[in-house]
Amino acid sequence: MINLDPTTGAEIQKTRPAVVVNYNGFGKLPLRVIVPVTDWKEKYSLAPWMIKLIPDNINNLKKDSASDCFQVRSVSEKRFVKKIGEVSKDQLETIVNALYSVFKMDTE
């Protein structure tokens, strides 16, 4: 759980689950790269950056959710409220692939 307030504009807000996606040994600052989690809506199945997360005993989510890879950001460790669970290796791989799609740039 992470407190994302205050926010501006269309940024995802309030205290909510998030997936930490950075390597722990990377960087010296007390920051983490996170992908926020929001309630699942069926329309999200059309968005490749919205990764569906089904509740289970490992992630401890309460309802069908989505990791919103378009809202990835670096946040202070001070925003973290508590750890509620973990995503599976397969889920993390799917999230990383969605992040790749978000950041894909034409270098030619």
N, C-alpha and C. Protein backbone atom coordinates (compact mmCIF):
# COMPACT_ATOMS: atom_id res chain seq x y z
N MET A 1 0.85 -1.18 0.00
CA MET A 1 0.00 0.00 0.00
C MET A 1 0.90 1.23 0.00
N ILE A 2 0.51 2.19 -0.81
CA ILE A 2 1.31 3.41 -0.95
C ILE A 2 0.39 4.62 -1.01
N ASN A 3 0.79 5.69 -0.35
CA ASN A 3 0.02 6.92 -0.34
C ASN A 3 0.50 7.80 -1.48
N LEU A 4 -0.32 7.98 -2.49
CA LEU A 4 0.07 8.76 -3.67
C LEU A 4 -0.38 10.22 -3.62
N ASP A 5 -1.04 10.62 -2.53
CA ASP A 5 -1.47 12.03 -2.41
C ASP A 5 -0.33 12.87 -1.84
N PRO A 6 -0.17 14.11 -2.23
CA PRO A 6 -1.03 14.83 -3.15
C PRO A 6 -0.68 14.50 -4.60
N THR A 7 -1.66 14.67 -5.46
CA THR A 7 -1.48 14.45 -6.89
C THR A 7 -1.94 15.68 -7.65
N THR A 8 -1.69 15.68 -8.94
CA THR A 8 -2.10 16.77 -9.82
C THR A 8 -2.77 16.20 -11.05
N GLY A 9 -3.79 16.87 -11.55
CA GLY A 9 -4.43 16.48 -12.80
C GLY A 9 -4.97 15.07 -12.79
N ALA A 10 -4.65 14.30 -13.81
CA ALA A 10 -5.18 12.95 -13.99
C ALA A 10 -4.33 11.87 -13.32
N GLU A 11 -3.34 12.26 -12.51
CA GLU A 11 -2.52 11.28 -11.83
C GLU A 11 -3.38 10.42 -10.91
N ILE A 12 -3.08 9.14 -10.86
CA ILE A 12 -3.79 8.23 -9.97
C ILE A 12 -3.50 8.64 -8.53
N GLN A 13 -4.51 8.59 -7.67
CA GLN A 13 -4.35 9.16 -6.34
C GLN A 13 -4.79 8.22 -5.22
N LYS A 14 -4.75 8.68 -4.04
CA LYS A 14 -5.11 8.09 -2.75
C LYS A 14 -4.17 6.96 -2.35
N THR A 15 -4.43 6.35 -1.21
CA THR A 15 -3.63 5.22 -0.75
C THR A 15 -4.17 3.97 -1.43
N ARG A 16 -3.29 3.24 -2.10
CA ARG A 16 -3.69 2.09 -2.90
C ARG A 16 -2.53 1.11 -3.03
N PRO A 17 -2.83 -0.09 -3.49
CA PRO A 17 -1.74 -1.03 -3.76
C PRO A 17 -0.88 -0.54 -4.93
N ALA A 18 0.35 -0.98 -4.96
CA ALA A 18 1.27 -0.69 -6.06
C ALA A 18 2.26 -1.83 -6.17
N VAL A 19 2.80 -2.01 -7.36
CA VAL A 19 3.82 -3.02 -7.60
C VAL A 19 5.16 -2.30 -7.74
N VAL A 20 6.13 -2.68 -6.92
CA VAL A 20 7.48 -2.12 -7.02
C VAL A 20 8.18 -2.87 -8.16
N VAL A 21 8.72 -2.10 -9.13
CA VAL A 21 9.31 -2.74 -10.30
C VAL A 21 10.80 -2.47 -10.49
N ASN A 22 11.42 -1.74 -9.58
CA ASN A 22 12.85 -1.51 -9.76
C ASN A 22 13.68 -2.55 -9.02
N TYR A 23 14.89 -2.70 -9.47
CA TYR A 23 15.87 -3.57 -8.84
C TYR A 23 16.35 -2.90 -7.57
N ASN A 24 16.34 -3.60 -6.44
CA ASN A 24 16.67 -3.01 -5.14
C ASN A 24 18.09 -2.44 -5.06
N GLY A 25 19.02 -3.03 -5.78
CA GLY A 25 20.41 -2.57 -5.70
C GLY A 25 20.72 -1.39 -6.61
N PHE A 26 19.72 -0.87 -7.29
CA PHE A 26 19.93 0.19 -8.26
C PHE A 26 19.67 1.55 -7.63
N GLY A 27 20.64 2.42 -7.67
CA GLY A 27 20.46 3.78 -7.19
C GLY A 27 20.75 3.93 -5.71
N LYS A 28 21.05 5.14 -5.31
CA LYS A 28 21.41 5.45 -3.92
C LYS A 28 20.30 6.20 -3.19
N LEU A 29 19.37 6.77 -3.92
CA LEU A 29 18.31 7.56 -3.29
C LEU A 29 17.23 6.65 -2.71
N PRO A 30 16.53 7.08 -1.65
CA PRO A 30 15.45 6.28 -1.05
C PRO A 30 14.16 6.39 -1.88
N LEU A 31 14.26 5.97 -3.13
CA LEU A 31 13.14 6.01 -4.07
C LEU A 31 12.87 4.61 -4.60
N ARG A 32 11.64 4.37 -4.99
CA ARG A 32 11.26 3.11 -5.65
C ARG A 32 10.42 3.45 -6.87
N VAL A 33 10.59 2.66 -7.93
CA VAL A 33 9.77 2.80 -9.13
C VAL A 33 8.57 1.89 -8.94
N ILE A 34 7.37 2.48 -9.04
CA ILE A 34 6.15 1.71 -8.78
C ILE A 34 5.17 1.81 -9.94
N VAL A 35 4.33 0.79 -10.02
CA VAL A 35 3.18 0.80 -10.92
C VAL A 35 1.96 0.73 -10.02
N PRO A 36 1.13 1.79 -9.99
CA PRO A 36 -0.04 1.78 -9.13
C PRO A 36 -1.09 0.78 -9.58
N VAL A 37 -1.88 0.31 -8.63
CA VAL A 37 -2.93 -0.67 -8.89
C VAL A 37 -4.28 0.00 -8.64
N THR A 38 -5.24 -0.26 -9.52
CA THR A 38 -6.57 0.31 -9.43
C THR A 38 -7.62 -0.78 -9.63
N ASP A 39 -8.87 -0.46 -9.41
CA ASP A 39 -9.96 -1.42 -9.63
C ASP A 39 -10.02 -1.81 -11.10
N TRP A 40 -10.28 -3.10 -11.36
CA TRP A 40 -10.41 -3.58 -12.73
C TRP A 40 -11.75 -3.15 -13.32
N LYS A 41 -11.69 -2.69 -14.57
CA LYS A 41 -12.89 -2.40 -15.35
C LYS A 41 -12.73 -3.14 -16.68
N GLU A 42 -13.79 -3.73 -17.16
CA GLU A 42 -13.70 -4.56 -18.37
C GLU A 42 -13.11 -3.79 -19.55
N LYS A 43 -13.35 -2.48 -19.65
CA LYS A 43 -12.80 -1.69 -20.76
C LYS A 43 -11.27 -1.69 -20.75
N TYR A 44 -10.65 -2.00 -19.61
CA TYR A 44 -9.20 -2.03 -19.54
C TYR A 44 -8.60 -3.17 -20.37
N SER A 45 -9.39 -4.17 -20.70
CA SER A 45 -8.87 -5.29 -21.50
C SER A 45 -8.41 -4.82 -22.89
N LEU A 46 -8.86 -3.63 -23.31
CA LEU A 46 -8.44 -3.07 -24.60
C LEU A 46 -7.14 -2.28 -24.50
N ALA A 47 -6.71 -1.98 -23.28
CA ALA A 47 -5.51 -1.16 -23.07
C ALA A 47 -4.33 -2.06 -22.71
N PRO A 48 -3.31 -2.14 -23.57
CA PRO A 48 -2.18 -3.04 -23.30
C PRO A 48 -1.34 -2.66 -22.08
N TRP A 49 -1.51 -1.46 -21.57
CA TRP A 49 -0.76 -1.02 -20.38
C TRP A 49 -1.49 -1.33 -19.08
N MET A 50 -2.72 -1.84 -19.16
CA MET A 50 -3.50 -2.21 -17.97
C MET A 50 -3.42 -3.73 -17.81
N ILE A 51 -2.75 -4.19 -16.77
CA ILE A 51 -2.53 -5.62 -16.57
C ILE A 51 -3.44 -6.11 -15.45
N LYS A 52 -4.31 -7.06 -15.79
CA LYS A 52 -5.28 -7.57 -14.83
C LYS A 52 -4.58 -8.41 -13.76
N LEU A 53 -4.95 -8.16 -12.52
CA LEU A 53 -4.44 -8.91 -11.38
C LEU A 53 -5.63 -9.53 -10.65
N ILE A 54 -5.65 -10.85 -10.56
CA ILE A 54 -6.72 -11.58 -9.88
C ILE A 54 -6.30 -11.77 -8.42
N PRO A 55 -7.20 -11.52 -7.47
CA PRO A 55 -6.85 -11.70 -6.06
C PRO A 55 -6.48 -13.15 -5.74
N ASP A 56 -5.45 -13.32 -4.91
CA ASP A 56 -5.08 -14.66 -4.43
C ASP A 56 -4.39 -14.51 -3.08
N ASN A 57 -3.93 -15.62 -2.52
CA ASN A 57 -3.31 -15.61 -1.19
C ASN A 57 -1.89 -15.07 -1.20
N ILE A 58 -1.36 -14.80 -2.38
CA ILE A 58 0.00 -14.26 -2.47
C ILE A 58 -0.04 -12.73 -2.60
N ASN A 59 -0.90 -12.21 -3.49
CA ASN A 59 -0.96 -10.76 -3.65
C ASN A 59 -1.88 -10.09 -2.63
N ASN A 60 -2.78 -10.88 -2.04
CA ASN A 60 -3.70 -10.39 -1.00
C ASN A 60 -4.58 -9.22 -1.43
N LEU A 61 -4.83 -9.11 -2.74
CA LEU A 61 -5.78 -8.11 -3.20
C LEU A 61 -7.18 -8.54 -2.82
N LYS A 62 -8.07 -7.60 -2.66
CA LYS A 62 -9.45 -7.89 -2.24
C LYS A 62 -10.39 -8.10 -3.42
N LYS A 63 -10.03 -7.58 -4.60
CA LYS A 63 -10.91 -7.67 -5.77
C LYS A 63 -10.06 -7.65 -7.03
N ASP A 64 -10.70 -8.00 -8.16
CA ASP A 64 -10.00 -7.92 -9.44
C ASP A 64 -9.46 -6.51 -9.60
N SER A 65 -8.19 -6.42 -10.00
CA SER A 65 -7.50 -5.14 -10.06
C SER A 65 -6.70 -5.04 -11.34
N ALA A 66 -6.11 -3.87 -11.57
CA ALA A 66 -5.27 -3.65 -12.75
C ALA A 66 -4.04 -2.85 -12.34
N SER A 67 -2.88 -3.28 -12.80
CA SER A 67 -1.69 -2.46 -12.66
C SER A 67 -1.68 -1.50 -13.85
N ASP A 68 -1.63 -0.22 -13.57
CA ASP A 68 -1.71 0.81 -14.61
C ASP A 68 -0.30 1.24 -14.99
N CYS A 69 0.26 0.57 -15.99
CA CYS A 69 1.65 0.80 -16.38
C CYS A 69 1.88 2.16 -17.03
N PHE A 70 0.81 2.85 -17.41
CA PHE A 70 0.96 4.19 -17.96
C PHE A 70 1.20 5.21 -16.85
N GLN A 71 0.94 4.82 -15.60
CA GLN A 71 1.11 5.73 -14.47
C GLN A 71 2.35 5.39 -13.64
N VAL A 72 3.31 4.68 -14.24
CA VAL A 72 4.55 4.33 -13.55
C VAL A 72 5.25 5.60 -13.08
N ARG A 73 5.88 5.52 -11.90
CA ARG A 73 6.59 6.69 -11.38
C ARG A 73 7.58 6.29 -10.29
N SER A 74 8.51 7.19 -10.02
CA SER A 74 9.41 7.03 -8.88
C SER A 74 8.80 7.77 -7.71
N VAL A 75 8.80 7.12 -6.55
CA VAL A 75 8.23 7.74 -5.35
C VAL A 75 9.17 7.52 -4.17
N SER A 76 9.06 8.40 -3.20
CA SER A 76 9.83 8.28 -1.98
C SER A 76 9.38 7.05 -1.19
N GLU A 77 10.33 6.39 -0.54
CA GLU A 77 9.99 5.27 0.34
C GLU A 77 9.09 5.72 1.49
N LYS A 78 9.08 7.01 1.79
CA LYS A 78 8.22 7.53 2.86
C LYS A 78 6.74 7.43 2.51
N ARG A 79 6.40 7.24 1.24
CA ARG A 79 5.01 7.09 0.81
C ARG A 79 4.47 5.68 1.10
N PHE A 80 5.35 4.73 1.37
CA PHE A 80 4.91 3.36 1.60
C PHE A 80 4.21 3.24 2.95
N VAL A 81 3.04 2.60 2.96
CA VAL A 81 2.26 2.43 4.17
C VAL A 81 2.50 1.04 4.75
N LYS A 82 2.32 -0.02 3.95
CA LYS A 82 2.59 -1.38 4.40
C LYS A 82 2.62 -2.32 3.21
N LYS A 83 3.30 -3.43 3.38
CA LYS A 83 3.34 -4.46 2.35
C LYS A 83 2.15 -5.39 2.56
N ILE A 84 1.39 -5.63 1.49
CA ILE A 84 0.23 -6.52 1.61
C ILE A 84 0.44 -7.85 0.90
N GLY A 85 1.38 -7.92 -0.04
CA GLY A 85 1.59 -9.16 -0.77
C GLY A 85 2.62 -8.98 -1.87
N GLU A 86 2.62 -9.94 -2.79
CA GLU A 86 3.55 -9.93 -3.91
C GLU A 86 2.84 -10.41 -5.16
N VAL A 87 3.35 -10.00 -6.31
CA VAL A 87 2.84 -10.54 -7.57
C VAL A 87 3.70 -11.74 -7.95
N SER A 88 3.14 -12.62 -8.74
CA SER A 88 3.89 -13.80 -9.19
C SER A 88 4.94 -13.39 -10.22
N LYS A 89 5.86 -14.28 -10.48
CA LYS A 89 6.89 -14.03 -11.49
C LYS A 89 6.25 -13.78 -12.85
N ASP A 90 5.22 -14.56 -13.19
CA ASP A 90 4.53 -14.38 -14.47
C ASP A 90 3.83 -13.03 -14.55
N GLN A 91 3.18 -12.62 -13.44
CA GLN A 91 2.51 -11.32 -13.42
C GLN A 91 3.53 -10.19 -13.57
N LEU A 92 4.66 -10.31 -12.87
CA LEU A 92 5.69 -9.29 -12.96
C LEU A 92 6.23 -9.20 -14.39
N GLU A 93 6.43 -10.34 -15.03
CA GLU A 93 6.91 -10.35 -16.41
C GLU A 93 5.91 -9.66 -17.33
N THR A 94 4.63 -9.90 -17.13
CA THR A 94 3.60 -9.26 -17.93
C THR A 94 3.60 -7.75 -17.71
N ILE A 95 3.79 -7.32 -16.47
CA ILE A 95 3.86 -5.89 -16.14
C ILE A 95 5.09 -5.27 -16.81
N VAL A 96 6.23 -5.94 -16.74
CA VAL A 96 7.45 -5.43 -17.36
C VAL A 96 7.27 -5.30 -18.87
N ASN A 97 6.61 -6.28 -19.50
CA ASN A 97 6.35 -6.20 -20.94
C ASN A 97 5.45 -5.02 -21.27
N ALA A 98 4.45 -4.76 -20.43
CA ALA A 98 3.57 -3.60 -20.64
C ALA A 98 4.36 -2.30 -20.49
N LEU A 99 5.28 -2.26 -19.51
CA LEU A 99 6.13 -1.08 -19.35
C LEU A 99 6.99 -0.87 -20.58
N TYR A 100 7.49 -1.95 -21.14
CA TYR A 100 8.28 -1.84 -22.36
C TYR A 100 7.44 -1.20 -23.46
N SER A 101 6.19 -1.60 -23.57
CA SER A 101 5.30 -1.02 -24.58
C SER A 101 5.09 0.47 -24.35
N VAL A 102 4.94 0.87 -23.08
CA VAL A 102 4.75 2.28 -22.74
C VAL A 102 5.98 3.10 -23.12
N PHE A 103 7.18 2.57 -22.84
CA PHE A 103 8.40 3.33 -23.05
C PHE A 103 9.04 3.13 -24.42
N LYS A 104 8.49 2.26 -25.22
CA LYS A 104 9.05 1.98 -26.54
C LYS A 104 9.15 3.26 -27.35
N MET A 105 10.35 3.52 -27.83
CA MET A 105 10.57 4.73 -28.63
C MET A 105 11.20 4.36 -29.95
N ASP A 106 10.83 5.07 -30.97
CA ASP A 106 11.41 4.87 -32.29
C ASP A 106 12.75 5.57 -32.31
N THR A 107 13.84 4.79 -32.41
CA THR A 107 15.18 5.38 -32.38
C THR A 107 15.77 5.55 -33.76
N GLU A 108 15.00 5.26 -34.78
CA GLU A 108 15.52 5.38 -36.15
C GLU A 108 15.32 6.78 -36.69
